[in-house]
């Protein structure tokens, strides 16, 4: 079994991240810090301590009342979007497992877990996905993770968009990236249903819809290709 970090540990990790970002004026350094955190959490791709944990840390900040922290984090993502260098995580259809690394920001409450190692059904090419893309692929496609439930997808997507809206760059550039991704059929990272959903998110976001309206639009299209007996989970 994998130990799940407590809410207190998540808040501590979020607080440390904000403190590190706030201690430096250099946007490139801030981006490097954020990418390192995402990478180290994402290395635990077959445990609860994977990239979803990074999304949970973002969610803690998004739900907080600290407007400065939200703006600081959103502006760091704005830098990432300008550089086309997003802090991402990998999802693949069947995937190969790797041993997790809990990461420095959770050192006060380290994660531990036993994971399997191997390549069942063969490994597929991996592409690093930003937070919104990762969440959408997780919701719509069969991956190495237990499927994400609609309520968790809607809630987390809404929080992420609200967070990114604290940066003018992120608010403008992220929907543009999603729209471009929706047109890309060459790499095989997205199914047609995923591309359609990314296009829907991009269009609603560009149109100035509220985060809740964007998230609702993203789940309005019913899932028609998912077996009814799929096990789903919350984020």
C-alpha atoms as a PDB file:
ATOM      1  CA  UNK A   1       0.000   0.000   0.000  1.00  0.00           C
ATOM      2  CA  UNK A   2       1.099   3.556  -0.666  1.00  0.00           C
ATOM      3  CA  UNK A   3       0.993   6.132   2.090  1.00  0.00           C
ATOM      4  CA  UNK A   4      -1.138   9.101   1.089  1.00  0.00           C
ATOM      5  CA  UNK A   5       0.084  12.483   2.366  1.00  0.00           C
ATOM      6  CA  UNK A   6      -2.201  14.087   4.910  1.00  0.00           C
ATOM      7  CA  UNK A   7      -3.900  17.438   4.255  1.00  0.00           C
ATOM      8  CA  UNK A   8      -1.380  18.972   6.651  1.00  0.00           C
ATOM      9  CA  UNK A   9       1.520  17.548   4.616  1.00  0.00           C
ATOM     10  CA  UNK A  10      -0.008  18.892   1.399  1.00  0.00           C
ATOM     11  CA  UNK A  11      -0.468  22.336   2.937  1.00  0.00           C
ATOM     12  CA  UNK A  12       3.132  22.239   4.148  1.00  0.00           C
ATOM     13  CA  UNK A  13       4.371  21.291   0.690  1.00  0.00           C
ATOM     14  CA  UNK A  14       2.309  24.068  -0.899  1.00  0.00           C
ATOM     15  CA  UNK A  15       3.607  26.594   1.634  1.00  0.00           C
ATOM     16  CA  UNK A  16       7.216  25.580   0.963  1.00  0.00           C
ATOM     17  CA  UNK A  17       6.716  25.841  -2.772  1.00  0.00           C
ATOM     18  CA  UNK A  18       5.272  29.347  -2.480  1.00  0.00           C
ATOM     19  CA  UNK A  19       8.085  30.370  -0.128  1.00  0.00           C
ATOM     20  CA  UNK A  20      10.761  29.162  -2.560  1.00  0.00           C
ATOM     21  CA  UNK A  21       9.090  30.840  -5.536  1.00  0.00           C
ATOM     22  CA  UNK A  22       8.628  34.069  -3.587  1.00  0.00           C
ATOM     23  CA  UNK A  23      12.253  34.160  -2.461  1.00  0.00           C
ATOM     24  CA  UNK A  24      13.528  34.635  -6.010  1.00  0.00           C
ATOM     25  CA  UNK A  25      12.757  37.334  -8.547  1.00  0.00           C
ATOM     26  CA  UNK A  26      14.121  35.419 -11.529  1.00  0.00           C
ATOM     27  CA  UNK A  27      11.186  33.871 -13.427  1.00  0.00           C
ATOM     28  CA  UNK A  28      13.509  31.290 -14.986  1.00  0.00           C
ATOM     29  CA  UNK A  29      14.586  30.107 -11.551  1.00  0.00           C
ATOM     30  CA  UNK A  30      10.979  29.900 -10.421  1.00  0.00           C
ATOM     31  CA  UNK A  31      10.142  27.809 -13.451  1.00  0.00           C
ATOM     32  CA  UNK A  32      13.096  25.514 -12.767  1.00  0.00           C
ATOM     33  CA  UNK A  33      11.835  24.974  -9.222  1.00  0.00           C
ATOM     34  CA  UNK A  34       8.328  24.169 -10.418  1.00  0.00           C
ATOM     35  CA  UNK A  35       9.599  21.782 -13.107  1.00  0.00           C
ATOM     36  CA  UNK A  36      11.807  19.999 -10.613  1.00  0.00           C
ATOM     37  CA  UNK A  37       8.891  19.470  -8.251  1.00  0.00           C
ATOM     38  CA  UNK A  38       6.653  18.182 -11.048  1.00  0.00           C
ATOM     39  CA  UNK A  39       9.397  15.881 -12.334  1.00  0.00           C
ATOM     40  CA  UNK A  40      10.201  14.369  -8.959  1.00  0.00           C
ATOM     41  CA  UNK A  41       6.566  13.810  -8.131  1.00  0.00           C
ATOM     42  CA  UNK A  42       5.898  12.568 -11.639  1.00  0.00           C
ATOM     43  CA  UNK A  43       8.629   9.949 -11.343  1.00  0.00           C
ATOM     44  CA  UNK A  44       6.268   8.061  -9.046  1.00  0.00           C
ATOM     45  CA  UNK A  45       3.966   7.560 -12.011  1.00  0.00           C
ATOM     46  CA  UNK A  46       2.411   4.313 -10.820  1.00  0.00           C
ATOM     47  CA  UNK A  47       1.669   5.299  -7.239  1.00  0.00           C
ATOM     48  CA  UNK A  48      -0.469   7.871  -5.487  1.00  0.00           C
ATOM     49  CA  UNK A  49       2.719   9.915  -5.161  1.00  0.00           C
ATOM     50  CA  UNK A  50       2.897  10.656  -8.870  1.00  0.00           C
ATOM     51  CA  UNK A  51       2.009  13.708 -10.928  1.00  0.00           C
ATOM     52  CA  UNK A  52      -1.525  13.765  -9.424  1.00  0.00           C
ATOM     53  CA  UNK A  53       0.178  14.726  -6.166  1.00  0.00           C
ATOM     54  CA  UNK A  54       1.662  17.734  -7.969  1.00  0.00           C
ATOM     55  CA  UNK A  55      -1.862  18.630  -9.106  1.00  0.00           C
ATOM     56  CA  UNK A  56      -3.069  18.324  -5.530  1.00  0.00           C
ATOM     57  CA  UNK A  57      -0.380  20.735  -4.352  1.00  0.00           C
ATOM     58  CA  UNK A  58      -1.520  23.191  -7.035  1.00  0.00           C
ATOM     59  CA  UNK A  59      -5.081  22.657  -5.845  1.00  0.00           C
ATOM     60  CA  UNK A  60      -4.176  23.542  -2.267  1.00  0.00           C
ATOM     61  CA  UNK A  61      -2.815  26.887  -3.445  1.00  0.00           C
ATOM     62  CA  UNK A  62      -5.788  27.417  -5.780  1.00  0.00           C
ATOM     63  CA  UNK A  63      -8.214  26.897  -2.892  1.00  0.00           C
ATOM     64  CA  UNK A  64      -6.348  29.210  -0.533  1.00  0.00           C
ATOM     65  CA  UNK A  65      -7.150  32.850   0.200  1.00  0.00           C
ATOM     66  CA  UNK A  66      -3.580  33.903  -0.597  1.00  0.00           C
ATOM     67  CA  UNK A  67      -3.973  35.964  -3.765  1.00  0.00           C
ATOM     68  CA  UNK A  68      -0.262  36.712  -3.891  1.00  0.00           C
ATOM     69  CA  UNK A  69       0.599  32.997  -3.824  1.00  0.00           C
ATOM     70  CA  UNK A  70      -1.906  32.241  -6.577  1.00  0.00           C
ATOM     71  CA  UNK A  71      -0.601  35.065  -8.743  1.00  0.00           C
ATOM     72  CA  UNK A  72       3.005  33.983  -8.167  1.00  0.00           C
ATOM     73  CA  UNK A  73       2.275  30.408  -9.174  1.00  0.00           C
ATOM     74  CA  UNK A  74       0.134  31.418 -12.147  1.00  0.00           C
ATOM     75  CA  UNK A  75       2.824  33.777 -13.413  1.00  0.00           C
ATOM     76  CA  UNK A  76       5.358  30.952 -13.212  1.00  0.00           C
ATOM     77  CA  UNK A  77       3.083  28.896 -15.438  1.00  0.00           C
ATOM     78  CA  UNK A  78       2.829  31.942 -17.689  1.00  0.00           C
ATOM     79  CA  UNK A  79       6.614  31.860 -18.017  1.00  0.00           C
ATOM     80  CA  UNK A  80       6.417  28.147 -18.828  1.00  0.00           C
ATOM     81  CA  UNK A  81       3.856  28.780 -21.547  1.00  0.00           C
ATOM     82  CA  UNK A  82       5.926  31.561 -23.088  1.00  0.00           C
ATOM     83  CA  UNK A  83       8.935  29.232 -23.113  1.00  0.00           C
ATOM     84  CA  UNK A  84       6.805  26.284 -24.292  1.00  0.00           C
ATOM     85  CA  UNK A  85       8.328  24.368 -21.371  1.00  0.00           C
ATOM     86  CA  UNK A  86       5.493  23.261 -19.102  1.00  0.00           C
ATOM     87  CA  UNK A  87       6.035  21.348 -15.850  1.00  0.00           C
ATOM     88  CA  UNK A  88       4.451  18.107 -16.964  1.00  0.00           C
ATOM     89  CA  UNK A  89       3.683  14.509 -16.139  1.00  0.00           C
ATOM     90  CA  UNK A  90       3.528  11.425 -18.329  1.00  0.00           C
ATOM     91  CA  UNK A  91       0.563   9.174 -19.026  1.00  0.00           C
ATOM     92  CA  UNK A  92       0.619   6.190 -21.331  1.00  0.00           C
ATOM     93  CA  UNK A  93      -1.747   3.412 -22.304  1.00  0.00           C
ATOM     94  CA  UNK A  94      -0.069   0.538 -20.538  1.00  0.00           C
ATOM     95  CA  UNK A  95       3.199   2.069 -19.426  1.00  0.00           C
ATOM     96  CA  UNK A  96       6.237   0.890 -17.591  1.00  0.00           C
ATOM     97  CA  UNK A  97       6.441   1.460 -13.860  1.00  0.00           C
ATOM     98  CA  UNK A  98       9.226   3.201 -12.056  1.00  0.00           C
ATOM     99  CA  UNK A  99      10.291   3.488  -8.443  1.00  0.00           C
ATOM    100  CA  UNK A 100       8.837   6.640  -6.855  1.00  0.00           C
ATOM    101  CA  UNK A 101      10.763   9.560  -5.446  1.00  0.00           C
ATOM    102  CA  UNK A 102       8.876  11.473  -2.770  1.00  0.00           C
ATOM    103  CA  UNK A 103      10.543  14.808  -3.507  1.00  0.00           C
ATOM    104  CA  UNK A 104      12.188  17.397  -1.311  1.00  0.00           C
ATOM    105  CA  UNK A 105       9.101  19.492  -0.608  1.00  0.00           C
ATOM    106  CA  UNK A 106       7.448  16.594   1.201  1.00  0.00           C
ATOM    107  CA  UNK A 107      10.499  15.838   3.298  1.00  0.00           C
ATOM    108  CA  UNK A 108       8.591  16.648   6.456  1.00  0.00           C
ATOM    109  CA  UNK A 109       6.193  13.813   5.689  1.00  0.00           C
ATOM    110  CA  UNK A 110       7.923  11.507   3.219  1.00  0.00           C
ATOM    111  CA  UNK A 111       5.887   9.158   1.112  1.00  0.00           C
ATOM    112  CA  UNK A 112       6.712   5.500   0.908  1.00  0.00           C
ATOM    113  CA  UNK A 113       5.289   2.796  -1.246  1.00  0.00           C
ATOM    114  CA  UNK A 114       5.798  -0.501  -2.966  1.00  0.00           C
ATOM    115  CA  UNK A 115       5.281  -0.428  -6.693  1.00  0.00           C
ATOM    116  CA  UNK A 116       5.601  -3.049  -9.369  1.00  0.00           C
ATOM    117  CA  UNK A 117       8.281  -2.859 -12.002  1.00  0.00           C
ATOM    118  CA  UNK A 118       7.745  -4.172 -15.492  1.00  0.00           C
ATOM    119  CA  UNK A 119       6.278  -3.542 -18.888  1.00  0.00           C
ATOM    120  CA  UNK A 120       2.937  -5.287 -19.088  1.00  0.00           C
ATOM    121  CA  UNK A 121       1.552  -5.254 -22.654  1.00  0.00           C
ATOM    122  CA  UNK A 122       4.617  -3.273 -23.717  1.00  0.00           C
ATOM    123  CA  UNK A 123       5.483   0.365 -23.105  1.00  0.00           C
ATOM    124  CA  UNK A 124       4.108   3.094 -25.321  1.00  0.00           C
ATOM    125  CA  UNK A 125       5.831   6.406 -26.129  1.00  0.00           C
ATOM    126  CA  UNK A 126       5.357   8.974 -23.388  1.00  0.00           C
ATOM    127  CA  UNK A 127       4.674  12.645 -23.823  1.00  0.00           C
ATOM    128  CA  UNK A 128       4.911  15.144 -21.003  1.00  0.00           C
ATOM    129  CA  UNK A 129       1.520  16.713 -20.393  1.00  0.00           C
ATOM    130  CA  UNK A 130       0.735  19.977 -18.634  1.00  0.00           C
ATOM    131  CA  UNK A 131      -1.829  20.044 -15.808  1.00  0.00           C
ATOM    132  CA  UNK A 132      -4.961  20.548 -17.943  1.00  0.00           C
ATOM    133  CA  UNK A 133      -3.853  18.125 -20.646  1.00  0.00           C
ATOM    134  CA  UNK A 134      -2.863  15.493 -18.087  1.00  0.00           C
ATOM    135  CA  UNK A 135      -6.191  15.813 -16.303  1.00  0.00           C
ATOM    136  CA  UNK A 136      -8.130  15.521 -19.570  1.00  0.00           C
ATOM    137  CA  UNK A 137      -6.198  12.492 -20.823  1.00  0.00           C
ATOM    138  CA  UNK A 138      -6.579  10.827 -17.419  1.00  0.00           C
ATOM    139  CA  UNK A 139     -10.331  11.393 -17.530  1.00  0.00           C
ATOM    140  CA  UNK A 140     -10.931  10.278 -21.112  1.00  0.00           C
ATOM    141  CA  UNK A 141      -8.308   7.683 -22.000  1.00  0.00           C
ATOM    142  CA  UNK A 142      -7.261   4.317 -20.647  1.00  0.00           C
ATOM    143  CA  UNK A 143      -3.948   4.815 -18.898  1.00  0.00           C
ATOM    144  CA  UNK A 144      -1.831   3.097 -16.274  1.00  0.00           C
ATOM    145  CA  UNK A 145      -3.959   4.801 -13.611  1.00  0.00           C
ATOM    146  CA  UNK A 146      -7.406   3.998 -12.298  1.00  0.00           C
ATOM    147  CA  UNK A 147      -9.827   6.172 -14.261  1.00  0.00           C
ATOM    148  CA  UNK A 148     -10.609   9.645 -12.970  1.00  0.00           C
ATOM    149  CA  UNK A 149     -14.243  10.292 -12.040  1.00  0.00           C
ATOM    150  CA  UNK A 150     -16.283  13.052 -13.683  1.00  0.00           C
ATOM    151  CA  UNK A 151     -16.807  15.007 -10.455  1.00  0.00           C
ATOM    152  CA  UNK A 152     -13.097  14.982  -9.651  1.00  0.00           C
ATOM    153  CA  UNK A 153     -12.283  16.041 -13.223  1.00  0.00           C
ATOM    154  CA  UNK A 154     -14.799  18.892 -13.131  1.00  0.00           C
ATOM    155  CA  UNK A 155     -13.728  20.181  -9.726  1.00  0.00           C
ATOM    156  CA  UNK A 156      -9.991  19.973 -10.343  1.00  0.00           C
ATOM    157  CA  UNK A 157     -10.216  21.511 -13.806  1.00  0.00           C
ATOM    158  CA  UNK A 158     -12.236  24.427 -12.449  1.00  0.00           C
ATOM    159  CA  UNK A 159      -9.669  25.056  -9.708  1.00  0.00           C
ATOM    160  CA  UNK A 160      -6.759  24.919 -12.123  1.00  0.00           C
ATOM    161  CA  UNK A 161      -8.360  27.372 -14.549  1.00  0.00           C
ATOM    162  CA  UNK A 162      -9.203  29.747 -11.705  1.00  0.00           C
ATOM    163  CA  UNK A 163      -5.573  29.535 -10.596  1.00  0.00           C
ATOM    164  CA  UNK A 164      -4.114  30.161 -14.060  1.00  0.00           C
ATOM    165  CA  UNK A 165      -6.452  33.108 -14.568  1.00  0.00           C
ATOM    166  CA  UNK A 166      -4.380  35.003 -12.005  1.00  0.00           C
ATOM    167  CA  UNK A 167      -1.783  35.521 -14.750  1.00  0.00           C
ATOM    168  CA  UNK A 168      -2.573  37.449 -17.926  1.00  0.00           C
ATOM    169  CA  UNK A 169      -0.038  35.351 -19.835  1.00  0.00           C
ATOM    170  CA  UNK A 170      -1.381  32.038 -18.571  1.00  0.00           C
ATOM    171  CA  UNK A 171      -4.984  33.077 -19.204  1.00  0.00           C
ATOM    172  CA  UNK A 172      -4.169  34.039 -22.794  1.00  0.00           C
ATOM    173  CA  UNK A 173      -1.586  31.421 -23.735  1.00  0.00           C
ATOM    174  CA  UNK A 174      -2.914  28.249 -22.125  1.00  0.00           C
ATOM    175  CA  UNK A 175      -6.149  28.072 -24.156  1.00  0.00           C
ATOM    176  CA  UNK A 176      -4.102  28.784 -27.282  1.00  0.00           C
ATOM    177  CA  UNK A 177      -1.883  25.808 -26.471  1.00  0.00           C
ATOM    178  CA  UNK A 178      -4.888  23.564 -25.852  1.00  0.00           C
ATOM    179  CA  UNK A 179      -6.446  24.623 -29.145  1.00  0.00           C
ATOM    180  CA  UNK A 180      -3.203  23.826 -30.964  1.00  0.00           C
ATOM    181  CA  UNK A 181      -2.952  20.451 -29.228  1.00  0.00           C
ATOM    182  CA  UNK A 182      -6.504  19.685 -30.305  1.00  0.00           C
ATOM    183  CA  UNK A 183      -5.422  20.026 -33.941  1.00  0.00           C
ATOM    184  CA  UNK A 184      -2.431  17.707 -33.589  1.00  0.00           C
ATOM    185  CA  UNK A 185      -3.211  14.175 -34.765  1.00  0.00           C
ATOM    186  CA  UNK A 186       0.350  13.090 -35.492  1.00  0.00           C
ATOM    187  CA  UNK A 187       1.883  12.139 -32.159  1.00  0.00           C
ATOM    188  CA  UNK A 188      -0.833   9.771 -31.002  1.00  0.00           C
ATOM    189  CA  UNK A 189      -0.893  11.170 -27.460  1.00  0.00           C
ATOM    190  CA  UNK A 190      -4.565  12.132 -27.714  1.00  0.00           C
ATOM    191  CA  UNK A 191      -7.600  10.228 -28.908  1.00  0.00           C
ATOM    192  CA  UNK A 192     -10.170  12.031 -31.041  1.00  0.00           C
ATOM    193  CA  UNK A 193     -12.436  12.374 -27.995  1.00  0.00           C
ATOM    194  CA  UNK A 194      -9.597  13.961 -26.019  1.00  0.00           C
ATOM    195  CA  UNK A 195      -8.781  16.412 -28.818  1.00  0.00           C
ATOM    196  CA  UNK A 196     -12.444  17.397 -29.005  1.00  0.00           C
ATOM    197  CA  UNK A 197     -12.541  17.971 -25.258  1.00  0.00           C
ATOM    198  CA  UNK A 198      -9.351  20.049 -25.309  1.00  0.00           C
ATOM    199  CA  UNK A 199     -10.878  22.158 -28.084  1.00  0.00           C
ATOM    200  CA  UNK A 200     -14.025  22.625 -25.996  1.00  0.00           C
ATOM    201  CA  UNK A 201     -12.008  23.736 -22.974  1.00  0.00           C
ATOM    202  CA  UNK A 202      -9.933  26.110 -25.101  1.00  0.00           C
ATOM    203  CA  UNK A 203     -12.974  27.690 -26.759  1.00  0.00           C
ATOM    204  CA  UNK A 204     -14.854  28.233 -23.496  1.00  0.00           C
ATOM    205  CA  UNK A 205     -11.748  29.590 -21.785  1.00  0.00           C
ATOM    206  CA  UNK A 206     -10.983  31.968 -24.656  1.00  0.00           C
ATOM    207  CA  UNK A 207     -14.599  33.157 -24.603  1.00  0.00           C
ATOM    208  CA  UNK A 208     -14.177  34.346 -21.027  1.00  0.00           C
ATOM    209  CA  UNK A 209     -16.395  31.749 -19.411  1.00  0.00           C
ATOM    210  CA  UNK A 210     -16.007  31.299 -15.674  1.00  0.00           C
ATOM    211  CA  UNK A 211     -13.810  28.405 -14.517  1.00  0.00           C
ATOM    212  CA  UNK A 212     -16.946  26.566 -13.439  1.00  0.00           C
ATOM    213  CA  UNK A 213     -18.551  27.072 -16.841  1.00  0.00           C
ATOM    214  CA  UNK A 214     -15.422  25.890 -18.649  1.00  0.00           C
ATOM    215  CA  UNK A 215     -15.267  22.768 -16.504  1.00  0.00           C
ATOM    216  CA  UNK A 216     -18.955  22.070 -16.993  1.00  0.00           C
ATOM    217  CA  UNK A 217     -18.575  22.377 -20.755  1.00  0.00           C
ATOM    218  CA  UNK A 218     -15.742  19.876 -20.578  1.00  0.00           C
ATOM    219  CA  UNK A 219     -17.939  17.198 -19.024  1.00  0.00           C
ATOM    220  CA  UNK A 220     -21.180  17.884 -20.899  1.00  0.00           C
ATOM    221  CA  UNK A 221     -20.246  15.508 -23.720  1.00  0.00           C
ATOM    222  CA  UNK A 222     -21.094  12.016 -22.450  1.00  0.00           C
ATOM    223  CA  UNK A 223     -18.432   9.338 -22.432  1.00  0.00           C
ATOM    224  CA  UNK A 224     -19.529   6.712 -24.922  1.00  0.00           C
ATOM    225  CA  UNK A 225     -16.435   4.545 -25.174  1.00  0.00           C
ATOM    226  CA  UNK A 226     -15.795   3.741 -21.516  1.00  0.00           C
ATOM    227  CA  UNK A 227     -16.940   0.382 -20.156  1.00  0.00           C
ATOM    228  CA  UNK A 228     -19.653   0.773 -17.555  1.00  0.00           C
ATOM    229  CA  UNK A 229     -17.703  -1.307 -15.056  1.00  0.00           C
ATOM    230  CA  UNK A 230     -14.601   0.902 -15.073  1.00  0.00           C
ATOM    231  CA  UNK A 231     -13.343   1.681 -11.581  1.00  0.00           C
ATOM    232  CA  UNK A 232     -13.028   5.431 -11.071  1.00  0.00           C
ATOM    233  CA  UNK A 233     -11.332   7.472  -8.401  1.00  0.00           C
ATOM    234  CA  UNK A 234     -11.091  10.983  -7.062  1.00  0.00           C
ATOM    235  CA  UNK A 235      -7.955  13.048  -7.487  1.00  0.00           C
END
